[in-house]
Amino acid sequence: MIKLLQNVIPLLEKFLSAILPSLFDNWWQEGVINKLSYSQQDIIKRYQIQSLGDLDLAALLRVMDQN
C-alpha cells in the first residue's frame, strides 16, 4: 500500500502543476498555501517550500480537495 501511495505523489504533483496556474493569478498563494491547514502552512514556511514537488501526499491531497 505504501508503494502505491508513493507512486501517486508525482502524478498528483504533475496534475496540480498543470491545473492550478490556470485557476489563479497568484496560484501558489491562492491555490496552495491558502488551502492548506495551519500546520501545513507552518511546514511550508519553516522549510521554505516553494514547489508542489516538495509537498507530501497529505498536502497535495488537501490542495486538490480544496480547489
N, C-alpha and C. Protein backbone atom coordinates (compact mmCIF):
# COMPACT_ATOMS: atom_id res chain seq x y z
N MET A 1 0.82 -1.18 0.00
CA MET A 1 0.00 0.00 0.00
C MET A 1 0.87 1.26 0.00
N ILE A 2 1.95 1.26 0.78
CA ILE A 2 2.83 2.42 0.84
C ILE A 2 3.44 2.70 -0.54
N LYS A 3 3.84 1.66 -1.23
CA LYS A 3 4.43 1.81 -2.57
C LYS A 3 3.41 2.45 -3.52
N LEU A 4 2.18 2.01 -3.44
CA LEU A 4 1.13 2.56 -4.28
C LEU A 4 0.93 4.05 -4.01
N LEU A 5 0.88 4.42 -2.73
CA LEU A 5 0.70 5.82 -2.36
C LEU A 5 1.89 6.67 -2.81
N GLN A 6 3.08 6.12 -2.72
CA GLN A 6 4.27 6.86 -3.16
C GLN A 6 4.25 7.10 -4.67
N ASN A 7 3.63 6.19 -5.40
CA ASN A 7 3.53 6.35 -6.85
C ASN A 7 2.53 7.44 -7.23
N VAL A 8 1.61 7.74 -6.35
CA VAL A 8 0.59 8.75 -6.61
C VAL A 8 1.18 10.16 -6.54
N ILE A 9 2.17 10.37 -5.69
CA ILE A 9 2.72 11.71 -5.44
C ILE A 9 3.15 12.42 -6.73
N PRO A 10 4.01 11.84 -7.57
CA PRO A 10 4.43 12.58 -8.77
C PRO A 10 3.28 12.81 -9.76
N LEU A 11 2.33 11.89 -9.81
CA LEU A 11 1.19 12.06 -10.70
C LEU A 11 0.30 13.21 -10.25
N LEU A 12 0.05 13.27 -8.97
CA LEU A 12 -0.77 14.34 -8.41
C LEU A 12 -0.07 15.70 -8.56
N GLU A 13 1.23 15.71 -8.33
CA GLU A 13 2.01 16.94 -8.49
C GLU A 13 1.95 17.43 -9.94
N LYS A 14 2.07 16.53 -10.88
CA LYS A 14 2.00 16.88 -12.30
C LYS A 14 0.62 17.42 -12.66
N PHE A 15 -0.42 16.78 -12.17
CA PHE A 15 -1.78 17.22 -12.43
C PHE A 15 -2.04 18.62 -11.88
N LEU A 16 -1.68 18.83 -10.61
CA LEU A 16 -1.90 20.12 -9.98
C LEU A 16 -1.06 21.23 -10.64
N SER A 17 0.14 20.89 -11.05
CA SER A 17 1.01 21.87 -11.73
C SER A 17 0.41 22.31 -13.06
N ALA A 18 -0.34 21.45 -13.68
CA ALA A 18 -0.95 21.79 -14.96
C ALA A 18 -2.24 22.60 -14.77
N ILE A 19 -2.95 22.36 -13.68
CA ILE A 19 -4.27 22.98 -13.48
C ILE A 19 -4.21 24.29 -12.71
N LEU A 20 -3.50 24.33 -11.61
CA LEU A 20 -3.57 25.48 -10.70
C LEU A 20 -3.19 26.83 -11.34
N PRO A 21 -2.14 26.90 -12.15
CA PRO A 21 -1.81 28.20 -12.74
C PRO A 21 -2.93 28.80 -13.59
N SER A 22 -3.80 27.95 -14.13
CA SER A 22 -4.91 28.46 -14.94
C SER A 22 -6.08 28.94 -14.08
N LEU A 23 -6.08 28.59 -12.81
CA LEU A 23 -7.19 28.96 -11.93
C LEU A 23 -6.96 30.26 -11.17
N PHE A 24 -5.71 30.60 -10.92
CA PHE A 24 -5.37 31.75 -10.08
C PHE A 24 -4.23 32.55 -10.69
N ASP A 25 -4.29 33.88 -10.50
CA ASP A 25 -3.16 34.71 -10.93
C ASP A 25 -1.94 34.40 -10.08
N ASN A 26 -2.12 34.35 -8.78
CA ASN A 26 -1.05 34.00 -7.85
C ASN A 26 -1.35 32.60 -7.31
N TRP A 27 -1.18 31.60 -8.17
CA TRP A 27 -1.66 30.26 -7.86
C TRP A 27 -0.97 29.63 -6.65
N TRP A 28 0.28 29.95 -6.41
CA TRP A 28 0.97 29.35 -5.27
C TRP A 28 0.33 29.80 -3.96
N GLN A 29 0.09 31.09 -3.83
CA GLN A 29 -0.51 31.61 -2.61
C GLN A 29 -1.99 31.24 -2.51
N GLU A 30 -2.74 31.52 -3.56
CA GLU A 30 -4.19 31.32 -3.52
C GLU A 30 -4.61 29.86 -3.64
N GLY A 31 -3.94 29.11 -4.48
CA GLY A 31 -4.34 27.74 -4.75
C GLY A 31 -3.66 26.69 -3.91
N VAL A 32 -2.54 27.07 -3.28
CA VAL A 32 -1.80 26.10 -2.47
C VAL A 32 -1.77 26.54 -1.01
N ILE A 33 -1.03 27.57 -0.71
CA ILE A 33 -0.83 27.96 0.69
C ILE A 33 -2.14 28.24 1.41
N ASN A 34 -3.03 29.02 0.77
CA ASN A 34 -4.29 29.36 1.42
C ASN A 34 -5.22 28.17 1.61
N LYS A 35 -4.97 27.08 0.93
CA LYS A 35 -5.82 25.90 1.03
C LYS A 35 -5.33 24.88 2.06
N LEU A 36 -4.11 25.07 2.55
CA LEU A 36 -3.53 24.13 3.50
C LEU A 36 -3.96 24.45 4.93
N SER A 37 -3.83 23.46 5.79
CA SER A 37 -4.11 23.68 7.21
C SER A 37 -3.02 24.58 7.79
N TYR A 38 -3.28 25.10 8.98
CA TYR A 38 -2.28 25.97 9.62
C TYR A 38 -0.96 25.23 9.85
N SER A 39 -1.04 23.97 10.24
CA SER A 39 0.20 23.22 10.48
C SER A 39 0.95 22.96 9.17
N GLN A 40 0.23 22.71 8.10
CA GLN A 40 0.88 22.53 6.80
C GLN A 40 1.49 23.84 6.31
N GLN A 41 0.80 24.95 6.55
CA GLN A 41 1.36 26.26 6.19
C GLN A 41 2.64 26.54 6.97
N ASP A 42 2.64 26.15 8.24
CA ASP A 42 3.82 26.33 9.07
C ASP A 42 5.00 25.54 8.52
N ILE A 43 4.75 24.33 8.08
CA ILE A 43 5.82 23.50 7.50
C ILE A 43 6.39 24.17 6.24
N ILE A 44 5.51 24.72 5.40
CA ILE A 44 5.96 25.41 4.19
C ILE A 44 6.87 26.59 4.54
N LYS A 45 6.48 27.35 5.55
CA LYS A 45 7.29 28.49 5.96
C LYS A 45 8.61 28.04 6.58
N ARG A 46 8.52 27.07 7.47
CA ARG A 46 9.71 26.61 8.20
C ARG A 46 10.76 26.04 7.25
N TYR A 47 10.33 25.25 6.27
CA TYR A 47 11.27 24.61 5.36
C TYR A 47 11.41 25.34 4.03
N GLN A 48 10.76 26.50 3.92
CA GLN A 48 10.83 27.35 2.72
C GLN A 48 10.49 26.55 1.45
N ILE A 49 9.42 25.81 1.53
CA ILE A 49 8.96 25.02 0.38
C ILE A 49 8.36 25.96 -0.64
N GLN A 50 8.76 25.80 -1.89
CA GLN A 50 8.32 26.70 -2.95
C GLN A 50 7.81 25.98 -4.18
N SER A 51 7.60 24.66 -4.07
CA SER A 51 7.08 23.93 -5.23
C SER A 51 6.20 22.77 -4.78
N LEU A 52 5.30 22.40 -5.66
CA LEU A 52 4.41 21.28 -5.36
C LEU A 52 5.20 19.99 -5.17
N GLY A 53 6.30 19.86 -5.88
CA GLY A 53 7.11 18.66 -5.79
C GLY A 53 7.72 18.42 -4.42
N ASP A 54 7.75 19.45 -3.61
CA ASP A 54 8.31 19.32 -2.26
C ASP A 54 7.25 19.05 -1.19
N LEU A 55 5.98 19.05 -1.60
CA LEU A 55 4.90 18.78 -0.64
C LEU A 55 4.71 17.28 -0.46
N ASP A 56 4.22 16.89 0.71
CA ASP A 56 3.93 15.48 0.93
C ASP A 56 2.55 15.14 0.38
N LEU A 57 2.20 13.86 0.41
CA LEU A 57 0.94 13.40 -0.16
C LEU A 57 -0.25 14.05 0.53
N ALA A 58 -0.22 14.18 1.83
CA ALA A 58 -1.34 14.78 2.56
C ALA A 58 -1.59 16.21 2.09
N ALA A 59 -0.53 16.98 1.91
CA ALA A 59 -0.68 18.36 1.46
C ALA A 59 -1.21 18.42 0.03
N LEU A 60 -0.70 17.57 -0.84
CA LEU A 60 -1.17 17.53 -2.22
C LEU A 60 -2.64 17.16 -2.29
N LEU A 61 -3.03 16.18 -1.50
CA LEU A 61 -4.44 15.77 -1.49
C LEU A 61 -5.34 16.89 -0.98
N ARG A 62 -4.89 17.61 0.03
CA ARG A 62 -5.66 18.73 0.55
C ARG A 62 -5.80 19.84 -0.49
N VAL A 63 -4.71 20.14 -1.18
CA VAL A 63 -4.76 21.16 -2.24
C VAL A 63 -5.76 20.75 -3.31
N MET A 64 -5.73 19.50 -3.73
CA MET A 64 -6.67 19.03 -4.73
C MET A 64 -8.10 19.11 -4.22
N ASP A 65 -8.33 18.67 -3.01
CA ASP A 65 -9.67 18.67 -2.43
C ASP A 65 -10.23 20.08 -2.26
N GLN A 66 -9.41 21.01 -1.81
CA GLN A 66 -9.86 22.37 -1.51
C GLN A 66 -10.04 23.22 -2.77
N ASN A 67 -9.50 22.76 -3.89
CA ASN A 67 -9.66 23.51 -5.13
C ASN A 67 -10.73 22.86 -5.99
